[in-house]
N, C-alpha and C. Protein backbone atom coordinates (compact mmCIF):
# COMPACT_ATOMS: atom_id res chain seq x y z
N MET A 1 -15.69 -2.31 -1.42
CA MET A 1 -14.46 -3.24 -0.71
C MET A 1 -14.59 -4.74 -1.01
N TRP A 2 -13.10 -5.17 -0.96
CA TRP A 2 -13.33 -6.68 -1.27
C TRP A 2 -12.37 -6.96 -0.33
N ILE A 3 -12.73 -8.47 0.57
CA ILE A 3 -11.85 -8.84 1.51
C ILE A 3 -10.75 -9.90 0.94
N ALA A 4 -9.76 -9.97 1.23
CA ALA A 4 -8.51 -10.83 0.83
C ALA A 4 -8.63 -11.97 1.57
N LYS A 5 -8.44 -13.34 1.10
CA LYS A 5 -8.27 -14.37 1.89
C LYS A 5 -7.27 -15.03 1.56
N ASN A 6 -6.82 -16.03 2.45
CA ASN A 6 -5.93 -16.91 2.35
C ASN A 6 -6.19 -18.30 2.93
N ASN A 7 -6.69 -19.48 2.10
CA ASN A 7 -7.26 -20.79 2.79
C ASN A 7 -8.52 -20.46 3.05
N ASP A 8 -9.40 -19.49 2.74
CA ASP A 8 -10.82 -19.21 3.05
C ASP A 8 -10.66 -18.37 4.43
N ARG A 9 -9.51 -17.86 5.04
CA ARG A 9 -9.61 -17.08 6.27
C ARG A 9 -9.12 -15.49 5.79
N PRO A 10 -10.00 -14.55 6.48
CA PRO A 10 -9.83 -13.25 5.69
C PRO A 10 -8.49 -12.65 6.41
N ILE A 11 -7.70 -12.08 5.40
CA ILE A 11 -6.50 -11.64 6.13
C ILE A 11 -6.24 -9.91 5.69
N GLY A 12 -7.19 -9.60 4.86
CA GLY A 12 -6.98 -8.18 4.69
C GLY A 12 -8.04 -7.77 3.58
N ALA A 13 -7.96 -6.37 3.24
CA ALA A 13 -9.03 -5.83 2.47
C ALA A 13 -8.65 -4.78 1.19
N VAL A 14 -9.51 -5.02 0.20
CA VAL A 14 -8.78 -3.82 -0.59
C VAL A 14 -10.23 -2.99 -0.93
N MET A 15 -9.54 -1.75 -0.94
CA MET A 15 -10.69 -0.68 -0.74
C MET A 15 -10.08 0.35 -2.27
N GLU A 16 -11.65 1.15 -2.55
CA GLU A 16 -11.39 2.10 -3.81
C GLU A 16 -11.06 3.57 -2.79
N ALA A 17 -10.30 4.27 -3.20
CA ALA A 17 -9.86 5.61 -2.69
C ALA A 17 -9.81 6.66 -3.60
N THR A 18 -10.36 7.89 -3.29
CA THR A 18 -9.84 8.84 -4.56
C THR A 18 -9.03 10.06 -3.84
N ALA A 19 -7.96 10.20 -4.54
CA ALA A 19 -7.15 11.51 -4.34
C ALA A 19 -7.68 12.72 -4.75
N PRO A 20 -8.37 13.38 -4.11
CA PRO A 20 -8.91 14.73 -5.13
C PRO A 20 -8.15 15.72 -5.60
N ASP A 21 -6.60 15.63 -5.05
CA ASP A 21 -6.24 17.08 -5.41
C ASP A 21 -5.06 16.65 -6.38
N GLY A 22 -5.23 15.60 -7.39
CA GLY A 22 -4.27 15.60 -8.68
C GLY A 22 -4.38 16.91 -9.20
N TYR A 23 -2.94 17.32 -9.93
CA TYR A 23 -2.91 18.43 -10.75
C TYR A 23 -4.12 18.72 -11.73
N SER A 24 -4.31 17.62 -12.55
CA SER A 24 -5.40 17.41 -13.65
C SER A 24 -6.85 16.89 -13.28
N GLY A 25 -6.98 16.86 -11.69
CA GLY A 25 -8.21 16.29 -11.53
C GLY A 25 -8.24 15.27 -10.29
N ALA A 26 -9.06 14.26 -10.15
CA ALA A 26 -9.02 13.21 -8.89
C ALA A 26 -8.36 12.04 -9.59
N ILE A 27 -7.65 11.41 -8.70
CA ILE A 27 -6.76 10.09 -8.82
C ILE A 27 -7.40 9.04 -8.10
N GLN A 28 -7.93 8.05 -8.97
CA GLN A 28 -8.62 7.06 -8.28
C GLN A 28 -7.62 6.01 -7.93
N LEU A 29 -7.60 4.99 -7.15
CA LEU A 29 -6.82 4.22 -6.44
C LEU A 29 -7.32 2.88 -5.97
N LEU A 30 -6.69 2.03 -5.76
CA LEU A 30 -6.94 0.61 -5.08
C LEU A 30 -6.21 0.48 -3.98
N VAL A 31 -6.52 0.42 -2.85
CA VAL A 31 -5.39 0.36 -1.60
C VAL A 31 -5.61 -0.88 -0.84
N ALA A 32 -4.51 -1.67 -0.54
CA ALA A 32 -4.66 -2.92 0.10
C ALA A 32 -4.06 -2.65 1.45
N ALA A 33 -4.91 -3.17 2.32
CA ALA A 33 -4.57 -3.23 3.75
C ALA A 33 -4.68 -4.58 4.60
N ASP A 34 -4.01 -4.98 5.66
CA ASP A 34 -4.30 -5.95 6.32
C ASP A 34 -5.04 -5.35 7.57
N PHE A 35 -5.44 -6.26 8.51
CA PHE A 35 -6.61 -5.72 9.55
C PHE A 35 -5.98 -5.12 10.58
N SER A 36 -4.33 -5.06 10.92
CA SER A 36 -3.90 -4.00 11.82
C SER A 36 -3.60 -2.60 11.18
N GLY A 37 -3.93 -2.65 9.88
CA GLY A 37 -3.94 -1.35 9.47
C GLY A 37 -2.82 -0.94 8.46
N THR A 38 -1.71 -2.00 8.59
CA THR A 38 -0.75 -1.77 7.55
C THR A 38 -1.02 -1.92 5.98
N VAL A 39 -0.70 -0.69 5.24
CA VAL A 39 -0.93 -0.77 3.92
C VAL A 39 0.39 -1.74 3.04
N LEU A 40 -0.63 -2.66 2.20
CA LEU A 40 0.22 -3.62 1.65
C LEU A 40 0.70 -3.43 0.29
N GLY A 41 -0.39 -2.37 -0.15
CA GLY A 41 -0.05 -2.00 -1.76
C GLY A 41 -0.96 -1.00 -2.40
N THR A 42 -0.67 -0.16 -3.18
CA THR A 42 -1.63 0.73 -3.86
C THR A 42 -1.41 0.64 -5.32
N ARG A 43 -2.67 1.01 -6.20
CA ARG A 43 -2.42 0.89 -7.61
C ARG A 43 -3.43 2.24 -8.01
N VAL A 44 -2.91 2.93 -8.96
CA VAL A 44 -3.55 3.99 -9.52
C VAL A 44 -4.55 3.46 -10.62
N THR A 45 -5.75 3.60 -10.52
CA THR A 45 -6.81 2.94 -11.62
C THR A 45 -7.22 3.84 -12.63
N GLU A 46 -6.92 5.13 -12.19
CA GLU A 46 -7.68 6.30 -13.46
C GLU A 46 -7.00 7.57 -13.04
N HIS A 47 -6.61 8.37 -13.81
CA HIS A 47 -6.03 9.66 -13.63
C HIS A 47 -6.05 10.62 -14.93
N HIS A 48 -5.89 11.74 -14.70
CA HIS A 48 -5.56 12.56 -16.02
C HIS A 48 -4.57 13.54 -16.07
N GLU A 49 -3.39 12.94 -15.57
CA GLU A 49 -2.28 13.63 -15.13
C GLU A 49 -1.41 13.56 -16.75
N THR A 50 -0.71 14.39 -16.80
CA THR A 50 0.24 14.44 -18.28
C THR A 50 1.47 13.56 -18.18
N PRO A 51 1.45 12.41 -18.92
CA PRO A 51 2.17 11.52 -19.03
C PRO A 51 3.89 12.06 -18.99
N GLY A 52 4.89 11.46 -18.11
CA GLY A 52 6.16 11.94 -18.35
C GLY A 52 6.43 12.99 -17.44
N LEU A 53 5.21 13.71 -16.80
CA LEU A 53 5.51 14.98 -16.54
C LEU A 53 5.65 15.07 -14.85
N GLY A 54 6.68 15.50 -14.24
CA GLY A 54 6.78 15.32 -12.76
C GLY A 54 7.60 14.46 -12.09
């Protein structure tokens, strides 16, 4: 986990997550959230899904 800061003040966190139920295996993600629990963004960092399908 990484802490996001603005002017040295902690404002949120970025966490690694795994969605284990991808069609072709697990999907690795980064999830950013503020400290009230609001998800601010997600990014897929690794997957083995078929490109262009779905």
